Protein backbone atom coordinates (compact mmCIF):
# COMPACT_ATOMS: atom_id res chain seq x y z
CA MET A 1 16.10 10.80 6.24
CA SER A 2 12.45 10.78 5.23
CA THR A 3 11.43 12.94 2.18
CA PHE A 4 7.71 12.44 2.49
CA HIS A 5 5.31 15.45 2.34
CA PRO A 6 4.48 16.55 5.80
CA ASP A 7 0.76 16.15 5.14
CA ASP A 8 1.28 12.55 4.16
CA ILE A 9 3.29 11.80 7.45
CA ARG A 10 0.43 13.45 9.46
CA HIS A 11 -2.13 11.50 7.53
CA ALA A 12 -0.38 8.11 8.05
CA ALA A 13 0.29 8.78 11.75
CA ALA A 14 -3.35 9.78 12.36
CA ALA A 15 -4.63 6.64 10.66
CA ALA A 16 -2.23 4.49 12.63
CA ARG A 17 -3.24 6.06 15.87
CA ALA A 18 -6.88 5.31 15.25
CA GLN A 19 -6.23 1.63 14.99
CA ALA A 20 -7.43 -0.40 17.96
CA VAL A 21 -5.40 -3.65 18.00
CA PRO A 22 -6.52 -6.75 20.04
CA PRO A 23 -4.07 -8.23 22.49
CA PRO A 24 -1.50 -10.75 21.30
CA ALA A 25 -2.07 -14.57 20.91
CA ALA A 26 -0.55 -17.03 23.34
CA LEU A 27 1.96 -19.26 21.45
CA PRO A 28 3.21 -22.61 22.70
CA LEU A 29 6.84 -21.76 21.74
CA PRO A 30 8.90 -18.59 20.68
CA VAL A 31 8.60 -17.67 17.04
CA SER A 32 10.83 -15.11 15.33
CA VAL A 33 9.59 -12.94 12.46
CA LEU A 34 11.82 -10.84 10.28
CA CYS A 35 9.84 -7.94 8.58
CA LEU A 36 11.51 -6.38 5.56
CA HIS A 37 9.92 -2.93 5.55
CA ALA A 38 9.41 -0.97 2.34
CA GLY A 39 10.06 2.74 2.31
CA ASN A 40 7.90 4.09 -0.43
CA LEU A 41 5.20 5.48 1.95
CA PRO A 42 5.32 6.81 5.53
CA LEU A 43 4.66 4.05 8.05
CA VAL A 44 4.03 1.53 5.31
CA GLY A 45 5.43 -1.33 7.42
CA TRP A 46 3.29 -0.53 10.47
CA GLN A 47 0.64 -3.19 9.69
CA ASP A 48 3.37 -5.82 9.67
CA VAL A 49 4.69 -4.53 13.11
CA LEU A 50 1.00 -4.94 14.32
CA ALA A 51 0.67 -8.30 12.76
CA VAL A 52 3.72 -9.76 14.62
CA TYR A 53 2.56 -8.14 17.87
CA ARG A 54 -0.86 -9.51 17.41
CA ALA A 55 0.46 -13.01 16.64
CA GLY A 56 2.52 -12.96 19.92
CA MET A 57 5.74 -13.42 18.07
CA ARG A 58 9.24 -11.90 18.31
CA TYR A 59 9.94 -9.07 15.96
CA ALA A 60 13.00 -8.02 13.93
CA GLY A 61 12.61 -5.17 11.44
CA LYS A 62 14.77 -4.34 8.61
CA LEU A 63 14.03 -0.68 8.04
CA SER A 64 14.32 1.02 4.53
CA ARG A 65 17.01 3.59 4.25
CA LYS A 66 14.42 5.76 2.53
CA ASP A 67 12.44 5.91 5.78
CA PRO A 68 14.57 4.95 8.81
CA ASP A 69 12.81 7.13 11.30
CA LEU A 70 9.07 6.91 11.26
CA ILE A 71 8.62 3.23 12.57
CA PRO A 72 11.06 3.68 15.50
CA ALA A 73 9.49 7.01 16.39
CA PHE A 74 6.10 5.53 16.33
CA LEU A 75 7.08 2.51 18.34
CA ALA A 76 8.49 4.95 20.98
CA GLU A 77 5.20 7.03 20.93
CA THR A 78 2.86 4.13 21.29
CA ALA A 79 5.01 2.06 23.61
CA LEU A 80 3.87 -1.07 21.82
CA PRO A 81 5.30 -4.04 23.85
CA LEU A 82 7.05 -5.78 21.03
CA ALA A 83 9.18 -8.79 21.95
CA PRO A 84 12.65 -8.58 20.33
CA VAL A 85 14.66 -11.52 19.15
CA PRO A 86 17.34 -12.08 21.88
CA GLY A 87 20.76 -11.09 20.64
CA PHE A 88 19.48 -8.97 17.77
CA PRO A 89 18.40 -5.22 17.38
CA LEU A 90 14.65 -4.56 17.37
CA HIS A 91 15.12 -2.84 14.05
CA HIS A 92 18.04 -1.75 11.74
CA THR A 93 18.60 -0.38 8.27
CA ASP A 94 21.34 -2.97 7.49
CA LEU A 95 20.16 -6.48 6.84
CA ALA A 96 23.47 -7.68 7.94
CA ALA A 97 22.58 -6.65 11.48
CA PHE A 98 20.36 -9.82 11.37
CA ARG A 99 23.08 -12.23 10.30
CA GLY A 100 22.50 -15.61 11.97
CA LEU A 101 18.88 -14.75 12.93
CA ARG A 102 17.36 -17.80 11.41
CA ALA A 103 13.92 -16.37 11.35
CA ASP A 104 10.88 -18.66 11.43
CA ALA A 105 8.92 -16.35 9.13
CA VAL A 106 9.62 -13.40 6.80
CA LEU A 107 7.10 -10.65 5.81
CA PHE A 108 8.11 -8.69 2.73
CA SER A 109 6.26 -6.33 0.29
CA GLY A 110 7.85 -5.15 -2.93
CA SER A 111 8.34 -5.64 -6.62
CA GLU A 112 8.48 -9.08 -8.16
CA SER A 113 11.86 -8.17 -9.63
CA SER A 114 13.46 -7.64 -6.24
CA VAL A 115 12.36 -10.97 -4.78
CA PRO A 116 15.15 -13.27 -6.04
CA GLY A 117 17.94 -10.85 -4.82
CA VAL A 118 16.29 -10.56 -1.39
CA LEU A 119 15.98 -14.33 -0.89
CA ARG A 120 19.51 -14.89 -1.95
CA ARG A 121 20.80 -12.19 0.51
CA LEU A 122 18.77 -13.65 3.38
CA HIS A 123 20.26 -17.13 2.88
CA GLU A 124 23.79 -15.66 2.47
CA LEU A 125 23.35 -14.02 5.92
CA ASP A 126 21.88 -17.15 7.52
CA ALA A 127 19.03 -14.88 8.37
CA VAL A 128 16.61 -17.70 7.44
CA HIS A 129 16.60 -21.46 7.64
CA ASP A 130 15.34 -24.30 5.53
CA ALA A 131 11.97 -24.32 7.04
CA THR A 132 11.36 -20.51 7.08
CA ARG A 133 8.04 -19.39 5.84
CA PHE A 134 7.77 -16.41 3.45
CA LEU A 135 4.90 -14.09 2.93
CA ILE A 136 5.73 -12.13 -0.11
CA ARG A 137 3.27 -9.45 -1.38
CA THR A 138 3.78 -7.98 -4.79
CA ALA A 139 0.29 -6.85 -5.97
CA HIS A 140 0.61 -3.28 -7.18
CA THR A 141 -2.61 -2.02 -8.88
CA SER A 142 -5.80 -0.69 -7.37
CA LEU A 143 -8.95 0.12 -9.39
CA ALA A 144 -11.81 2.51 -8.47
CA TRP A 145 -15.42 2.24 -9.87
CA VAL A 146 -17.00 5.67 -10.09
CA ASP A 147 -20.66 5.97 -11.24
CA ARG A 148 -21.50 9.28 -9.55
CA LEU A 149 -19.90 12.74 -9.13
CA ASP A 150 -21.20 13.91 -5.79
CA THR A 151 -19.06 15.83 -3.46
CA ASP A 152 -18.13 12.97 -1.20
CA THR A 153 -17.04 10.73 -4.06
CA LEU A 154 -14.89 13.39 -5.78
CA ARG A 155 -13.15 14.17 -2.43
CA GLU A 156 -12.56 10.54 -1.78
CA LEU A 157 -11.32 9.81 -5.27
CA ALA A 158 -8.93 12.81 -5.23
CA GLU A 159 -7.57 11.51 -1.93
CA GLY A 160 -7.22 7.99 -3.28
CA ILE A 161 -5.28 9.31 -6.32
CA ALA A 162 -3.04 12.06 -4.88
CA ARG A 163 -2.17 10.96 -1.31
CA TYR A 164 1.38 9.84 -1.20
CA ASP A 165 1.89 11.30 -4.58
CA GLY A 166 0.21 8.27 -6.15
CA ALA A 167 2.75 5.78 -4.90
CA GLY A 168 1.77 2.49 -3.02
CA CYS A 169 -0.31 -0.44 -3.99
CA ARG A 170 -3.51 0.97 -2.52
CA SER A 171 -3.33 4.30 -4.52
CA VAL A 172 -5.94 4.48 -7.25
CA ARG A 173 -4.19 3.62 -10.48
CA ARG A 174 -7.18 3.28 -12.81
CA ILE A 175 -10.69 4.81 -12.62
CA HIS A 176 -13.61 2.75 -14.38
CA SER A 177 -16.65 4.74 -15.03
CA PRO A 178 -19.73 4.94 -17.25
CA LEU A 179 -19.17 8.71 -17.20
CA ALA A 180 -16.92 10.56 -19.69
CA PHE A 181 -13.65 12.08 -18.42
CA THR A 182 -14.82 15.44 -19.74
CA GLN A 183 -17.84 15.35 -17.39
CA ALA A 184 -15.64 14.67 -14.34
CA ALA A 185 -12.33 16.51 -15.14
CA ARG A 186 -13.13 19.98 -13.77
CA LEU A 187 -14.99 18.65 -10.80
CA LEU A 188 -12.23 16.17 -9.90
CA ALA A 189 -9.59 18.85 -10.24
CA ASP A 190 -11.36 21.13 -7.94
CA ALA A 191 -11.79 18.28 -5.38
CA GLY A 192 -8.05 17.83 -5.49
CA SER A 193 -7.34 21.38 -4.47
CA PRO A 194 -5.97 20.32 -0.88
CA PHE A 195 -2.92 18.90 -2.93
CA ALA A 196 -2.41 21.91 -5.01
CA ASP A 197 0.69 23.04 -3.12
CA ARG A 198 2.66 19.98 -4.15
CA THR A 199 5.43 20.34 -6.72
CA PRO A 200 5.56 17.58 -9.28
CA PRO A 201 8.97 16.05 -9.97
CA PRO A 202 10.59 16.67 -13.40
CA ARG A 203 9.23 13.33 -14.80
CA ILE A 204 5.61 14.47 -14.21
CA ARG A 205 6.34 17.94 -15.50
CA TYR A 206 7.68 16.50 -18.77
CA ARG A 207 4.70 14.16 -19.06
CA GLN A 208 2.30 17.02 -18.57
CA ALA A 209 4.10 19.19 -21.08
CA TYR A 210 3.86 16.34 -23.59
CA LEU A 211 0.09 15.97 -23.06
CA GLN A 212 -0.36 19.75 -23.48
CA ALA A 213 1.70 19.66 -26.59
CA ILE A 214 -0.38 16.90 -28.25
CA GLY A 215 -3.69 18.50 -27.10
CA ALA A 216 -4.59 15.45 -24.95
CA PRO A 217 -7.15 16.06 -22.26
CA HIS A 218 -5.88 15.66 -18.76
CA ILE A 219 -5.72 17.12 -15.23
CA ARG A 220 -3.14 17.16 -12.56
CA ILE A 221 -4.10 16.50 -8.97
CA GLY A 222 -1.13 17.34 -6.70
CA THR A 223 1.70 15.42 -8.41
CA VAL A 224 -0.52 12.94 -10.24
CA LEU A 225 -1.69 13.17 -13.83
CA VAL A 226 -5.05 11.86 -14.89
CA SER A 227 -6.13 11.38 -18.37
CA PRO A 228 -8.59 9.17 -20.42
CA GLU A 229 -7.67 5.96 -22.39
CA PRO A 230 -5.61 4.97 -24.02
CA PRO A 231 -2.96 4.77 -21.22
CA LEU A 232 0.20 6.33 -22.19
CA TRP A 233 2.33 5.25 -19.18
CA ASP A 234 2.17 2.58 -16.52
CA GLU A 235 3.83 4.06 -13.58
CA ASP A 236 3.44 5.89 -10.28
CA GLY A 237 2.07 9.42 -10.82
CA TYR A 238 -0.13 8.55 -13.79
CA VAL A 239 -3.84 7.48 -13.62
CA THR A 240 -6.02 6.36 -16.55
CA TRP A 241 -9.79 7.16 -16.77
CA VAL A 242 -11.59 4.23 -18.45
CA GLN A 243 -14.95 5.20 -19.71
CA ALA A 244 -16.79 1.81 -20.08
CA PRO A 245 -19.52 -0.38 -18.51
CA LEU A 246 -18.81 -2.41 -15.36
CA ASP A 247 -18.12 -5.48 -17.48
CA ARG A 248 -14.83 -3.77 -18.59
CA MET A 249 -13.78 -3.34 -15.00
CA ILE A 250 -14.60 -6.98 -14.30
CA ALA A 251 -12.39 -8.00 -17.31
CA ASP A 252 -9.55 -5.69 -16.24
CA ALA A 253 -9.58 -7.06 -12.75
CA ALA A 254 -9.37 -10.55 -14.06
CA ASP A 255 -6.43 -9.64 -16.47
CA LEU A 256 -4.45 -8.19 -13.51
CA GLY A 257 -4.60 -11.50 -11.70
CA ALA A 258 -2.10 -11.48 -8.87
CA GLY A 259 -1.28 -7.88 -9.71
CA LEU A 260 -4.54 -6.67 -8.38
CA GLN A 261 -4.47 -5.22 -4.93
CA GLN A 262 -7.86 -3.37 -4.24
CA LEU A 263 -11.19 -2.54 -5.85
CA TYR A 264 -12.86 0.66 -4.55
CA HIS A 265 -16.50 1.70 -4.67
CA PRO A 266 -18.20 4.89 -3.75
CA GLY A 267 -21.04 4.85 -1.10
CA ALA A 268 -21.94 2.00 1.14
CA ALA A 269 -21.85 -0.98 -1.13
CA PRO A 270 -20.01 -2.25 -4.28
CA PRO A 271 -22.04 -2.96 -7.46
CA PRO A 272 -24.03 -6.16 -6.86
CA ALA A 273 -23.18 -7.32 -10.42
CA PHE A 274 -19.59 -7.73 -9.52
CA PRO A 275 -19.01 -9.81 -6.30
CA HIS A 276 -15.37 -9.80 -5.43
CA PRO A 277 -13.32 -10.14 -2.07
CA ARG A 278 -11.14 -7.07 -2.78
CA TRP A 279 -13.94 -4.49 -2.70
CA GLU A 280 -13.50 -1.68 -0.15
CA PRO A 281 -15.15 1.76 0.23
CA LEU A 282 -13.36 4.49 -1.64
CA SER A 283 -13.26 6.45 1.56
CA GLN A 284 -10.77 3.82 2.97
CA ALA A 285 -8.35 3.77 0.15
CA GLN A 286 -5.65 5.70 2.12
CA THR A 287 -6.84 4.77 5.63
CA PRO A 288 -6.88 1.01 5.65
CA ALA A 289 -7.83 -0.97 8.82
CA TRP A 290 -4.91 -2.48 10.68
CA ASP A 291 -6.10 -5.99 9.58
CA TRP A 292 -6.63 -5.29 5.92
CA ARG A 293 -5.38 -8.08 3.64
CA PRO A 294 -2.51 -7.19 1.40
CA ASP A 295 -2.66 -9.44 -1.82
CA GLY A 296 -5.81 -10.86 -0.13
CA ILE A 297 -3.95 -12.53 2.75
CA ASP A 298 -4.48 -11.77 6.41
CA PRO A 299 -0.91 -11.64 7.83
CA VAL A 300 -2.04 -12.60 11.41
CA SER A 301 -3.85 -15.65 10.32
CA TRP A 302 -0.91 -16.52 8.00
CA LEU A 303 1.56 -16.15 10.81
CA LEU A 304 -0.59 -18.20 13.27
CA SER A 305 -1.67 -20.98 10.83
CA PRO A 306 1.10 -23.49 11.61
CA TYR A 307 0.46 -23.17 15.51
CA PHE A 308 -3.31 -23.05 15.33
CA PRO A 309 -4.47 -25.10 12.38
CA ALA A 310 -8.05 -24.55 11.29
């Protein structure tokens, strides 16, 4: 049973409904894709569903027990004509339901630490074969550049921080800015007022009590704490404000390496001094296009590449 905040479910569903997906490709032979859907965000696996549909392939979805309801409900609502793998359920919460599937490709997003166990279990179940291709996405950190404090930027930043309680690889985890945290704190807290009704879990309440006890500057937006450097915790629900020139953001992005998911900029264009393929408008942090590229990889192109080589 889903435990997501109702506003987050409505937000994810509205974003998904707004996505216009092209018709599927025509393949020379049937291809089966097993999607291992995460459950940390509502409809977080919907992009993979659309990728399999767009690639014209057969879909099998292992649903998270944390979110077993939303993808099936949305499939029913949209009547997306997904092709199932003959002899297997379209989706199921038990990976064992796909025993003997022998998928040609697997799409998976999760933590690096979970990958070995997932791969081992897939082979035990004969759910994959020796030539199965794996697209495993593990990037987990997104950074925002904020060089202005206008109303739109503050609203978009609050949304990027607090939507989904700070969970997910697209949520803003670190803010880089030439401006001091003290300049932005009250304005950002006010911009986060739409999330004021959210009750933080005990872990966040304890963290906030600690910050108050040591006199550390901070604000809370919904269930997410924001405070200036040095970072005290590296976890969901905690965001660090880094006051530094753009050079520091460039260095931090490089240090993250494969762990970097997205870079966000306010306004229409990223800073010209930092060209990078992961830039997106801050306004899109929590409303990605259906064809955005997790870990920098287009899943449709990846699925189709063996059958339509460049």
